[in-house]
Each structure stands twice: as C-alpha cells, then as structure tokens.
Protein backbone atom coordinates (compact mmCIF):
# COMPACT_ATOMS: atom_id res chain seq x y z
CA UNK A 1 67.64 103.63 87.10
CA UNK A 2 67.91 107.08 88.50
CA UNK A 3 71.31 107.24 89.95
CA UNK A 4 70.84 110.33 92.11
CA UNK A 5 71.35 111.19 95.82
CA UNK A 6 68.76 113.68 97.09
CA UNK A 7 69.88 115.43 100.35
CA UNK A 8 67.88 117.85 101.11
CA UNK A 9 76.72 144.79 101.73
CA UNK A 10 77.18 142.94 98.01
CA UNK A 11 80.58 144.46 97.90
CA UNK A 12 81.72 142.39 100.78
CA UNK A 13 80.36 139.28 99.05
CA UNK A 14 82.19 140.21 95.87
CA UNK A 15 85.50 140.73 97.71
CA UNK A 16 85.20 137.29 99.41
CA UNK A 17 84.29 135.57 96.25
CA UNK A 18 87.01 137.10 94.06
CA UNK A 19 89.60 136.48 96.74
CA UNK A 20 88.73 132.75 96.69
CA UNK A 21 88.82 132.50 92.82
CA UNK A 22 92.01 134.48 91.95
CA UNK A 23 93.88 131.29 90.81
CA UNK A 24 92.60 130.00 87.50
CA UNK A 25 91.05 126.59 87.71
CA UNK A 26 90.34 124.29 84.81
CA UNK A 27 88.19 121.18 84.92
CA UNK A 28 88.66 118.14 82.75
CA UNK A 29 85.81 116.48 80.95
CA UNK A 30 85.52 113.70 83.57
CA UNK A 31 84.96 116.10 86.48
CA UNK A 32 81.88 115.28 88.49
CA UNK A 33 79.44 117.96 89.59
CA UNK A 34 77.01 118.06 92.54
CA UNK A 35 73.67 119.52 91.70
CA UNK A 36 71.62 121.55 94.22
CA UNK A 37 67.92 122.04 93.47
CA UNK A 38 65.84 124.24 95.86
CA UNK A 39 62.19 123.38 95.98
CA UNK A 40 59.41 125.32 97.65
CA UNK A 41 56.76 123.75 99.63
CA UNK A 42 53.74 122.97 97.46
CA UNK A 43 51.54 125.56 99.15
CA UNK A 44 53.90 128.27 97.92
CA UNK A 45 55.02 126.91 94.58
CA UNK A 46 54.03 128.56 91.34
CA UNK A 47 51.65 131.02 93.02
CA UNK A 48 51.78 133.33 89.93
CA UNK A 49 50.62 130.67 87.50
CA UNK A 50 46.97 131.10 86.42
CA UNK A 51 45.75 127.81 87.60
CA UNK A 52 43.94 126.43 90.64
CA UNK A 53 46.02 125.54 93.71
CA UNK A 54 45.89 121.79 92.80
CA UNK A 55 46.91 122.60 89.25
CA UNK A 56 49.85 124.65 90.41
CA UNK A 57 51.09 121.99 92.74
CA UNK A 58 50.84 119.40 89.94
CA UNK A 59 52.81 121.64 87.62
CA UNK A 60 55.52 122.27 90.19
CA UNK A 61 55.83 118.46 90.68
CA UNK A 62 56.02 117.88 86.91
CA UNK A 63 58.66 120.63 86.44
CA UNK A 64 60.76 119.06 89.20
CA UNK A 65 60.38 115.58 87.67
CA UNK A 66 61.60 116.83 84.33
CA UNK A 67 64.65 118.67 85.88
CA UNK A 68 65.54 115.47 87.83
CA UNK A 69 65.21 113.43 84.69
CA UNK A 70 67.68 115.73 82.89
CA UNK A 71 70.10 115.52 85.82
CA UNK A 72 69.74 111.75 86.03
CA UNK A 73 70.85 111.30 82.42
CA UNK A 74 73.93 113.50 82.72
CA UNK A 75 77.13 111.57 83.35
CA UNK A 76 79.04 114.59 84.83
CA UNK A 77 76.42 114.83 87.64
CA UNK A 78 77.45 112.72 90.59
CA UNK A 79 74.75 113.59 93.08
CA UNK A 80 71.60 115.70 93.39
CA UNK A 81 70.85 117.61 96.49
CA UNK A 82 67.23 118.75 96.82
CA UNK A 83 66.83 121.48 99.35
CA UNK A 84 63.23 121.62 100.55
CA UNK A 85 60.81 121.91 103.47
CA UNK A 86 58.17 119.95 101.68
CA UNK A 87 57.49 116.73 103.57
CA UNK A 88 55.58 115.23 100.63
CA UNK A 89 58.79 114.84 98.75
CA UNK A 90 59.78 112.08 101.18
CA UNK A 91 57.66 109.83 99.01
CA UNK A 92 60.57 109.90 96.58
CA UNK A 93 62.75 108.07 99.17
CA UNK A 94 64.12 104.72 97.89
CA UNK A 95 67.33 102.81 97.57
CA UNK A 96 68.48 105.32 95.03
CA UNK A 97 66.93 108.41 96.47
CA UNK A 98 67.50 109.88 99.84
CA UNK A 99 65.43 112.76 101.15
CA UNK A 100 66.55 114.98 104.03
CA UNK A 101 64.00 117.67 105.01
CA UNK A 102 65.39 121.10 106.11
CA UNK A 103 63.65 123.99 107.84
CA UNK A 104 63.57 126.69 105.20
CA UNK A 105 65.41 129.91 106.11
CA UNK A 106 64.91 131.54 102.68
CA UNK A 107 65.95 130.63 99.15
CA UNK A 108 69.62 131.75 99.37
CA UNK A 109 70.00 130.30 102.87
CA UNK A 110 68.54 126.96 101.74
CA UNK A 111 70.79 126.81 98.72
CA UNK A 112 73.76 127.54 100.94
CA UNK A 113 72.90 124.54 103.13
CA UNK A 114 73.10 122.37 100.03
CA UNK A 115 76.42 123.91 98.93
CA UNK A 116 77.81 123.27 102.42
CA UNK A 117 77.17 119.55 101.84
CA UNK A 118 79.38 119.63 98.70
CA UNK A 119 82.51 121.05 100.27
CA UNK A 120 85.22 121.98 97.74
CA UNK A 121 83.83 120.05 94.81
CA UNK A 122 82.18 121.44 91.64
CA UNK A 123 78.55 122.41 92.09
CA UNK A 124 75.64 123.60 89.93
CA UNK A 125 72.64 125.22 91.51
CA UNK A 126 69.50 125.09 89.31
CA UNK A 127 65.92 126.06 89.93
CA UNK A 128 63.24 123.39 89.88
CA UNK A 129 61.04 125.17 87.36
CA UNK A 130 62.83 124.37 84.14
CA UNK A 131 60.64 121.98 82.29
CA UNK A 132 62.46 122.46 78.98
CA UNK A 133 65.75 121.27 80.35
CA UNK A 134 67.19 118.18 78.79
CA UNK A 135 70.28 116.10 79.41
CA UNK A 136 72.02 117.38 76.26
CA UNK A 137 71.18 120.99 77.12
CA UNK A 138 72.52 120.48 80.64
CA UNK A 139 75.76 118.89 79.40
CA UNK A 140 76.29 121.90 77.09
CA UNK A 141 75.99 124.21 80.09
CA UNK A 142 78.47 122.12 82.06
CA UNK A 143 80.93 122.24 79.09
CA UNK A 144 80.79 126.05 78.90
CA UNK A 145 81.19 126.35 82.66
CA UNK A 146 84.51 124.50 82.57
CA UNK A 147 86.10 127.78 81.36
CA UNK A 148 85.09 129.90 84.40
CA UNK A 149 85.57 129.31 88.15
CA UNK A 150 82.17 131.02 88.68
CA UNK A 151 79.39 131.25 86.13
CA UNK A 152 75.65 131.57 85.77
CA UNK A 153 72.70 131.24 83.37
CA UNK A 154 70.36 134.17 83.06
CA UNK A 155 66.59 133.67 82.86
CA UNK A 156 64.78 134.42 79.69
CA UNK A 157 63.92 137.99 80.74
CA UNK A 158 67.62 138.69 81.40
CA UNK A 159 66.83 139.96 84.92
CA UNK A 160 67.06 136.75 87.02
CA UNK A 161 69.10 133.53 87.29
CA UNK A 162 68.20 129.95 86.57
CA UNK A 163 71.62 128.32 87.32
CA UNK A 164 74.78 129.08 89.22
CA UNK A 165 77.98 127.02 88.65
CA UNK A 166 81.20 126.97 90.66
CA UNK A 167 84.29 124.90 90.31
CA UNK A 168 84.55 125.01 94.11
CA UNK A 169 81.28 125.06 95.97
CA UNK A 170 82.85 127.01 98.84
CA UNK A 171 83.32 130.02 96.58
CA UNK A 172 79.61 130.10 95.51
CA UNK A 173 77.48 132.76 97.25
CA UNK A 174 73.92 132.71 95.85
CA UNK A 175 72.12 136.03 95.46
CA UNK A 176 68.77 134.95 94.15
CA UNK A 177 65.88 137.43 94.35
CA UNK A 178 64.97 140.61 92.49
CA UNK A 179 67.48 141.44 89.73
CA UNK A 180 69.69 138.50 90.66
CA UNK A 181 71.30 138.68 87.26
CA UNK A 182 72.97 141.98 88.15
CA UNK A 183 73.86 140.84 91.61
CA UNK A 184 75.63 137.68 90.29
CA UNK A 185 77.59 139.63 87.82
CA UNK A 186 78.68 142.06 90.54
CA UNK A 187 79.67 139.07 92.63
CA UNK A 188 82.03 137.83 90.00
CA UNK A 189 79.97 135.23 88.10
CA UNK A 190 80.48 135.11 84.38
CA UNK A 191 77.30 134.73 82.29
CA UNK A 192 77.39 131.83 79.99
CA UNK A 193 76.78 132.60 76.30
CA UNK A 194 77.62 130.99 72.93
CA UNK A 195 77.59 131.86 69.28
CA UNK A 196 77.15 128.24 68.27
CA UNK A 197 73.58 127.65 67.11
CA UNK A 198 73.15 124.25 68.83
CA UNK A 199 74.55 125.47 72.10
CA UNK A 200 72.41 128.58 71.87
CA UNK A 201 69.35 126.29 71.67
CA UNK A 202 70.53 124.48 74.73
CA UNK A 203 70.91 127.79 76.57
CA UNK A 204 67.39 128.79 75.56
CA UNK A 205 66.14 125.63 77.30
CA UNK A 206 68.31 126.36 80.39
CA UNK A 207 67.08 129.89 80.63
CA UNK A 208 63.31 129.19 80.35
CA UNK A 209 61.92 129.10 83.84
CA UNK A 210 58.19 129.12 84.38
CA UNK A 211 56.39 131.55 86.77
CA UNK A 212 53.34 132.69 84.81
CA UNK A 213 50.95 131.36 82.22
CA UNK A 214 52.83 133.23 79.43
CA UNK A 215 56.02 131.54 80.59
CA UNK A 216 54.30 128.16 80.40
CA UNK A 217 53.02 128.88 76.91
CA UNK A 218 56.62 129.81 75.78
CA UNK A 219 57.90 126.64 77.45
CA UNK A 220 55.63 124.48 75.51
CA UNK A 221 56.61 126.22 72.32
CA UNK A 222 60.25 125.32 73.06
CA UNK A 223 59.42 121.82 74.19
CA UNK A 224 58.89 120.47 77.64
CA UNK A 225 59.86 117.20 79.28
CA UNK A 226 57.69 114.02 79.56
CA UNK A 227 56.25 114.78 83.00
CA UNK A 228 55.07 118.24 82.02
CA UNK A 229 53.85 117.04 78.60
CA UNK A 230 51.74 114.36 80.27
CA UNK A 231 50.29 116.83 82.71
CA UNK A 232 49.34 119.41 80.05
CA UNK A 233 46.70 117.11 78.49
CA UNK A 234 43.54 118.98 77.20
CA UNK A 235 41.35 120.36 79.96
CA UNK A 236 43.66 119.21 82.74
CA UNK A 237 45.18 122.66 83.49
CA UNK A 238 42.83 125.57 82.96
C-alpha cells in the first residue's frame, strides 16, 4: 500500500541561509523526511521531448509514477507533498493519497509553498522527471545528506539540480532555473558525491532527469521504473 500523503540579489539569500545553518546538525538513521515533488500541468510538461503532445503527457505521468513508487518504498520518507496546478492529478485522491491543488506562481514559489507545509522538519525536494530513481538509490542519497544541513544533487549535465535536501525545511531556499547548480552552491548547499561504486551508481540514477529524447535514451540505458518501462513499448512513443 502506498503510504504517502500528497499535499499539493542571491547574496541576500546566501546570507539568510548560512545564518540559519551555522550550528551543525546531525540526523540519526531514524529521522523522517518530507518529500516535495513539483509537477507541471500536463500541457506544459516535457515540451522539449520529441513526441506528440499525448505522448509527452503520458511520459510525464509515467515519470511521476516511478518517482512516487521510489518514495513510497523508502522508510525514511514520512510524507510526500506534490505541488501542482494540474487538476487531473486529483484522480489520485484516495484514503492514502490526498491532493491539494495550488495556483502556480512559478517553480521556486510552488516548491516554497510545499516547504512551508513541512515547518522545521527535514525535507527533500525532487523533480518529477527522474524515471531511473529507485528506493535504494533514494535511500543512499538520504544517507549522504545526513552529513550536511543543506545539500543537493546535480543533474547529469552538471548545470542543473534534481534534488535539494535540508535538515530544516525553513532553511531551504530553492533556486531552480538556468544554472541552478551554481546558484545552489552559492547559496550554501553542498553537492552530494561519493567514491563508493555502489553509491555512485545510485547518484547516477538520482541525477538523470529527462527533458529531451537523448535524455530518455540515456535513462533507458541506465534503467527506468516499471511505469516508464510499460509505456515505452514498441511503437507507443515515436
């Protein structure tokens, strides 16, 4: 059973963030994290993928399903907050899934609304286009993040960001957009890396977001989740 709850000047930012995180903070292995997943409306999602509009919508739904599956299997994840203006996602509403639709103000602003619901607890922000993400890979990311009050996962290109992690959600200021990697470093986030081969494989999965057909090819090379695998049957996505 999916045990998730779905609720839907850089220098100044850096000073505010660092001021809040001066005192070292260490999490034990039983600490519970809230996950925030921003989701674009289906008419805007995956507009750079070389597929017809219906195909792009289906892909974005499959990517989201695989991300939610990875989150659902992770014991350290206590709740999932999906930030979206997509009314179609209300179909996910059930005893175990609660959907709250928000009016989108922009990606960073939408994420901030999700972070505000967490309060001072640990939070992880992750994009919804990570079809390679698995529960073990996610757990490896959370284990690495215990060392740093603020941390992030770079995308495969090394220019963007797929995940932000904060021991205290009130200290997390998202700066997604062009060259977000550099902006998050400047804001005091530590990039998560590892020399361990198994953990590096997990980070490869966590970094592989999908925006283009080439990205999708690489994701299938790495290995995608069951929802994306089922969708990518021969002749379904052209």
